[in-house]
Each structure stands twice: as structure tokens, then as C-alpha cells.
Protein backbone atom coordinates (compact mmCIF):
# COMPACT_ATOMS: atom_id res chain seq x y z
CA UNK A 1 -14.08 16.95 11.46
CA UNK A 2 -11.40 16.53 13.92
CA UNK A 3 -7.91 15.94 12.86
CA UNK A 4 -6.36 12.79 13.45
CA UNK A 5 -2.54 12.04 14.09
CA UNK A 6 -1.25 8.72 12.98
CA UNK A 7 2.08 8.51 14.64
CA UNK A 8 3.82 5.42 12.66
CA UNK A 9 7.52 4.69 14.75
CA UNK A 10 9.09 1.40 14.29
CA UNK A 11 7.27 -1.38 12.28
CA UNK A 12 4.31 0.00 10.53
CA UNK A 13 2.76 -2.62 7.89
CA UNK A 14 -0.10 -4.04 6.30
CA UNK A 15 -3.00 -2.72 8.59
CA UNK A 16 -0.86 0.02 10.04
CA UNK A 17 -0.32 1.68 6.91
CA UNK A 18 -4.02 1.40 6.30
CA UNK A 19 -4.60 3.38 9.79
CA UNK A 20 -1.94 5.88 8.74
CA UNK A 21 -3.29 6.25 5.49
CA UNK A 22 -6.70 7.44 6.63
CA UNK A 23 -5.60 10.17 9.04
CA UNK A 24 -5.32 13.50 8.50
CA UNK A 25 -1.85 13.91 9.94
CA UNK A 26 0.43 11.09 9.05
CA UNK A 27 4.09 11.10 11.15
CA UNK A 28 6.98 9.19 10.42
CA UNK A 29 10.13 8.82 12.33
CA UNK A 30 13.91 7.90 11.40
CA UNK A 31 13.08 4.56 12.22
CA UNK A 32 9.74 4.06 10.61
CA UNK A 33 9.68 0.94 8.30
CA UNK A 34 6.54 0.82 6.25
CA UNK A 35 5.55 -2.23 4.05
CA UNK A 36 2.78 -4.06 2.70
CA UNK A 37 4.51 -7.60 3.18
CA UNK A 38 1.24 -9.86 2.64
CA UNK A 39 2.78 -11.46 -0.57
CA UNK A 40 5.17 -13.20 1.82
CA UNK A 41 2.34 -14.81 3.81
CA UNK A 42 0.01 -15.61 1.10
CA UNK A 43 -2.49 -12.70 1.49
CA UNK A 44 -2.97 -9.31 -0.23
CA UNK A 45 -2.32 -5.85 0.72
CA UNK A 46 -5.58 -4.62 1.74
CA UNK A 47 -6.90 -2.64 4.93
CA UNK A 48 -7.33 0.22 2.34
CA UNK A 49 -4.11 -0.80 -0.07
CA UNK A 50 -5.72 -1.44 -2.86
CA UNK A 51 -6.93 2.19 -2.81
CA UNK A 52 -3.81 3.91 -1.77
CA UNK A 53 -1.07 1.93 -3.22
CA UNK A 54 -3.01 2.45 -6.68
CA UNK A 55 -2.76 6.15 -6.30
CA UNK A 56 1.19 5.92 -5.67
CA UNK A 57 3.06 7.11 -8.66
CA UNK A 58 5.10 5.27 -11.62
CA UNK A 59 4.00 1.66 -10.57
CA UNK A 60 5.37 2.09 -6.98
CA UNK A 61 2.07 0.67 -5.81
CA UNK A 62 2.49 -2.42 -7.70
CA UNK A 63 6.22 -2.57 -6.81
CA UNK A 64 5.40 -2.39 -2.89
CA UNK A 65 2.81 -4.64 -3.26
CA UNK A 66 4.46 -7.45 -5.25
CA UNK A 67 7.70 -7.30 -3.28
CA UNK A 68 6.88 -6.14 -0.17
CA UNK A 69 9.58 -3.84 0.11
CA UNK A 70 10.21 -1.77 2.96
CA UNK A 71 10.04 1.99 3.06
CA UNK A 72 11.76 4.36 5.35
CA UNK A 73 10.73 8.06 6.55
CA UNK A 74 12.44 9.48 3.80
CA UNK A 75 10.56 7.14 1.35
CA UNK A 76 7.19 7.69 3.15
CA UNK A 77 7.53 11.69 2.46
CA UNK A 78 8.99 11.23 -0.82
CA UNK A 79 5.59 9.28 -1.92
CA UNK A 80 3.34 11.27 0.28
CA UNK A 81 2.42 8.28 2.69
CA UNK A 82 3.41 10.36 5.54
CA UNK A 83 3.35 14.28 5.93
CA UNK A 84 5.82 15.22 8.65
CA UNK A 85 9.18 13.08 9.94
CA UNK A 86 9.51 13.87 13.74
CA UNK A 87 12.06 12.33 16.13
CA UNK A 88 10.13 9.58 18.06
CA UNK A 89 11.62 11.50 21.09
CA UNK A 90 9.37 14.39 20.76
CA UNK A 91 6.40 12.14 20.98
CA UNK A 92 5.32 13.34 24.34
CA UNK A 93 6.05 16.90 23.82
CA UNK A 94 3.62 16.75 20.84
CA UNK A 95 1.19 15.13 23.00
CA UNK A 96 1.53 17.94 25.61
CA UNK A 97 1.18 20.64 22.92
CA UNK A 98 -1.74 19.05 21.48
CA UNK A 99 -3.08 18.91 25.03
CA UNK A 100 -2.64 22.64 25.83
CA UNK A 101 -3.64 23.98 22.35
CA UNK A 102 -6.72 26.07 22.08
CA UNK A 103 -8.88 23.84 19.22
CA UNK A 104 -11.62 26.13 17.40
CA UNK A 105 -13.93 23.45 16.65
CA UNK A 106 -13.65 24.00 12.81
CA UNK A 107 -12.05 21.52 10.98
CA UNK A 108 -9.82 23.59 8.64
CA UNK A 109 -8.61 25.77 11.33
CA UNK A 110 -7.91 22.69 13.51
CA UNK A 111 -6.17 21.18 10.70
CA UNK A 112 -4.35 24.07 10.13
CA UNK A 113 -3.24 24.35 13.66
CA UNK A 114 -2.03 20.79 14.11
CA UNK A 115 -0.18 21.00 10.91
CA UNK A 116 1.84 24.05 12.32
CA UNK A 117 2.62 21.88 15.58
CA UNK A 118 3.98 19.20 13.56
CA UNK A 119 5.96 21.10 11.37
CA UNK A 120 7.53 23.23 14.20
CA UNK A 121 9.27 20.02 15.50
CA UNK A 122 9.74 18.32 12.15
CA UNK A 123 13.01 17.13 10.90
CA UNK A 124 15.15 18.36 8.02
CA UNK A 125 15.46 15.71 5.21
CA UNK A 126 19.13 16.05 5.98
CA UNK A 127 18.47 14.21 9.43
CA UNK A 128 16.65 11.10 7.94
CA UNK A 129 17.90 7.91 6.30
CA UNK A 130 18.49 8.22 2.57
CA UNK A 131 15.55 7.55 0.46
CA UNK A 132 15.86 4.28 -1.61
CA UNK A 133 12.62 5.12 -3.50
CA UNK A 134 13.81 7.99 -4.65
CA UNK A 135 17.22 6.83 -6.02
CA UNK A 136 15.55 3.68 -7.64
CA UNK A 137 12.13 5.67 -8.98
CA UNK A 138 13.16 5.30 -12.67
CA UNK A 139 13.89 1.93 -12.67
CA UNK A 140 10.76 0.80 -10.82
CA UNK A 141 8.79 2.67 -13.29
CA UNK A 142 10.63 0.95 -15.96
CA UNK A 143 10.43 -2.57 -14.29
CA UNK A 144 6.44 -2.56 -13.56
CA UNK A 145 5.35 -0.56 -16.91
CA UNK A 146 1.98 0.02 -17.66
CA UNK A 147 -0.91 -2.66 -17.76
CA UNK A 148 1.40 -5.37 -17.38
CA UNK A 149 0.38 -8.92 -16.40
CA UNK A 150 2.13 -10.51 -13.49
CA UNK A 151 3.78 -13.26 -16.17
CA UNK A 152 5.13 -10.27 -17.95
CA UNK A 153 6.40 -8.81 -14.33
CA UNK A 154 7.69 -11.84 -12.79
CA UNK A 155 10.83 -12.45 -14.68
CA UNK A 156 12.09 -8.66 -14.14
CA UNK A 157 11.08 -8.51 -10.67
CA UNK A 158 13.13 -12.28 -9.86
CA UNK A 159 16.00 -10.90 -11.39
CA UNK A 160 16.26 -8.26 -8.81
CA UNK A 161 17.32 -10.97 -6.13
CA UNK A 162 20.81 -10.86 -7.94
CA UNK A 163 20.74 -6.95 -7.81
CA UNK A 164 23.87 -5.27 -6.38
CA UNK A 165 21.65 -2.93 -4.52
CA UNK A 166 20.49 -4.60 -0.99
CA UNK A 167 17.29 -2.82 -1.05
CA UNK A 168 16.10 -4.10 -4.52
CA UNK A 169 17.71 -7.44 -3.98
CA UNK A 170 15.72 -7.97 -1.04
CA UNK A 171 12.56 -6.94 -3.12
CA UNK A 172 13.22 -9.41 -5.60
CA UNK A 173 13.89 -12.15 -3.19
CA UNK A 174 10.28 -11.53 -1.32
CA UNK A 175 8.95 -11.28 -4.94
CA UNK A 176 10.27 -14.81 -5.71
CA UNK A 177 9.71 -16.55 -2.40
CA UNK A 178 6.08 -14.90 -2.55
CA UNK A 179 2.58 -16.15 -3.29
CA UNK A 180 1.77 -16.06 -7.14
CA UNK A 181 -1.66 -15.75 -6.41
CA UNK A 182 -1.24 -13.04 -3.77
CA UNK A 183 0.69 -11.25 -6.50
CA UNK A 184 -2.07 -11.82 -9.22
CA UNK A 185 -4.87 -10.69 -6.69
CA UNK A 186 -2.76 -7.24 -5.56
CA UNK A 187 -2.03 -6.38 -9.18
CA UNK A 188 -5.95 -6.99 -10.37
CA UNK A 189 -7.37 -5.39 -7.06
CA UNK A 190 -5.10 -2.12 -7.72
CA UNK A 191 -6.22 -1.96 -11.31
CA UNK A 192 -9.66 -2.18 -10.43
CA UNK A 193 -9.88 0.45 -7.65
CA UNK A 194 -7.48 2.94 -9.28
CA UNK A 195 -10.68 5.10 -10.17
CA UNK A 196 -12.48 4.13 -6.95
CA UNK A 197 -13.99 6.73 -4.62
């Protein structure tokens, strides 16, 4: 019943995102870099990844699993992998504010109180780096499609390696160099767990 904050500053990858996804209040900072890069080392994105990635809209979960593409704070807010963006320099002040808050031992009231504390220090979106996900959302949806097999997706994702956009090119390169077994497993796990509890 207690609210839990996960403060995701810097590199938040693999299990870090898994921890973040389970928290009631997820914080990103301007230096946050979220990714599920397991395809590059022959593993599959889990620690909850098969569940939460499958719930991202427009094929984004599949794209992230297959390419290991990294997300910044604006992306995390855009796809609801983070709830708030704060300056990392405010971390100490937030801990102090949490320590002096009078908690009610009522789950809903305490979650709302914590949300108010974090929102009071939240950065406006204009203070965050631009969101590549927002910029390329329609293209990702077209690339991934619906009910596609890895062999159908592979040529399209590999072609990204020569894209003019650096974020897409890096995603395409990671897919091309990644483990084909990991790609097939990541895709299948997301499809099997999309409607799981």
C-alpha cells in the first residue's frame, strides 16, 4: 500500500527499467537513458519487459526490444514509462520533502501526496531534450505493423542502419548486429504476454 519512487537518472537499462515499471511513481531526469539492449548481448528483454513492453502503443515495445533503442526523459513521459521529469539536482530536496511529509497510512492519500510533491518540482517539457519517439511514432508503427514475423520485420529494421536520422540509424545498426534468436524470442514473449495479468 505504500507509494514507491524509482528515480531513474543516467543509464536505466534492462533490470533498471523493470524496477522502474513496478514503482508507483517513476521519475526521469534530463540525463535519463532508458533502453532494453538485451538483443545486443543475446538475451531477451525481461525483468518485466515482456509484460510492460507489450503494452506500449503502436509497435513501440517490439521496436524497443528488437533494436535496443534508447529513450530520453521526454520519450519516457510520452510513452508513460515515467510519470515525472525532475532535475537530478533536486534529488536531495525531494528526499527531505518526503521525510518531513505527514503520511496518512492510507494508500490513495499517500500516493496523491507523493504525486503533489513530485509535481511541484517537475520540469516543463520545454526543459527536456526533444523526443525521438514522438518524432518517429508514425514511422515506427509502419515499420513494426501488426502480427509481423521477425523475418518480415528484419529487412525494414536493417534498412534503418543507413537512415539519415541518427536515432533510427543506431536502432537499425543494433538490430542488424543483434542476436536473431533474441529477436524472435523477444517478439514471441511480448505477443504471448500482451493480455496476461
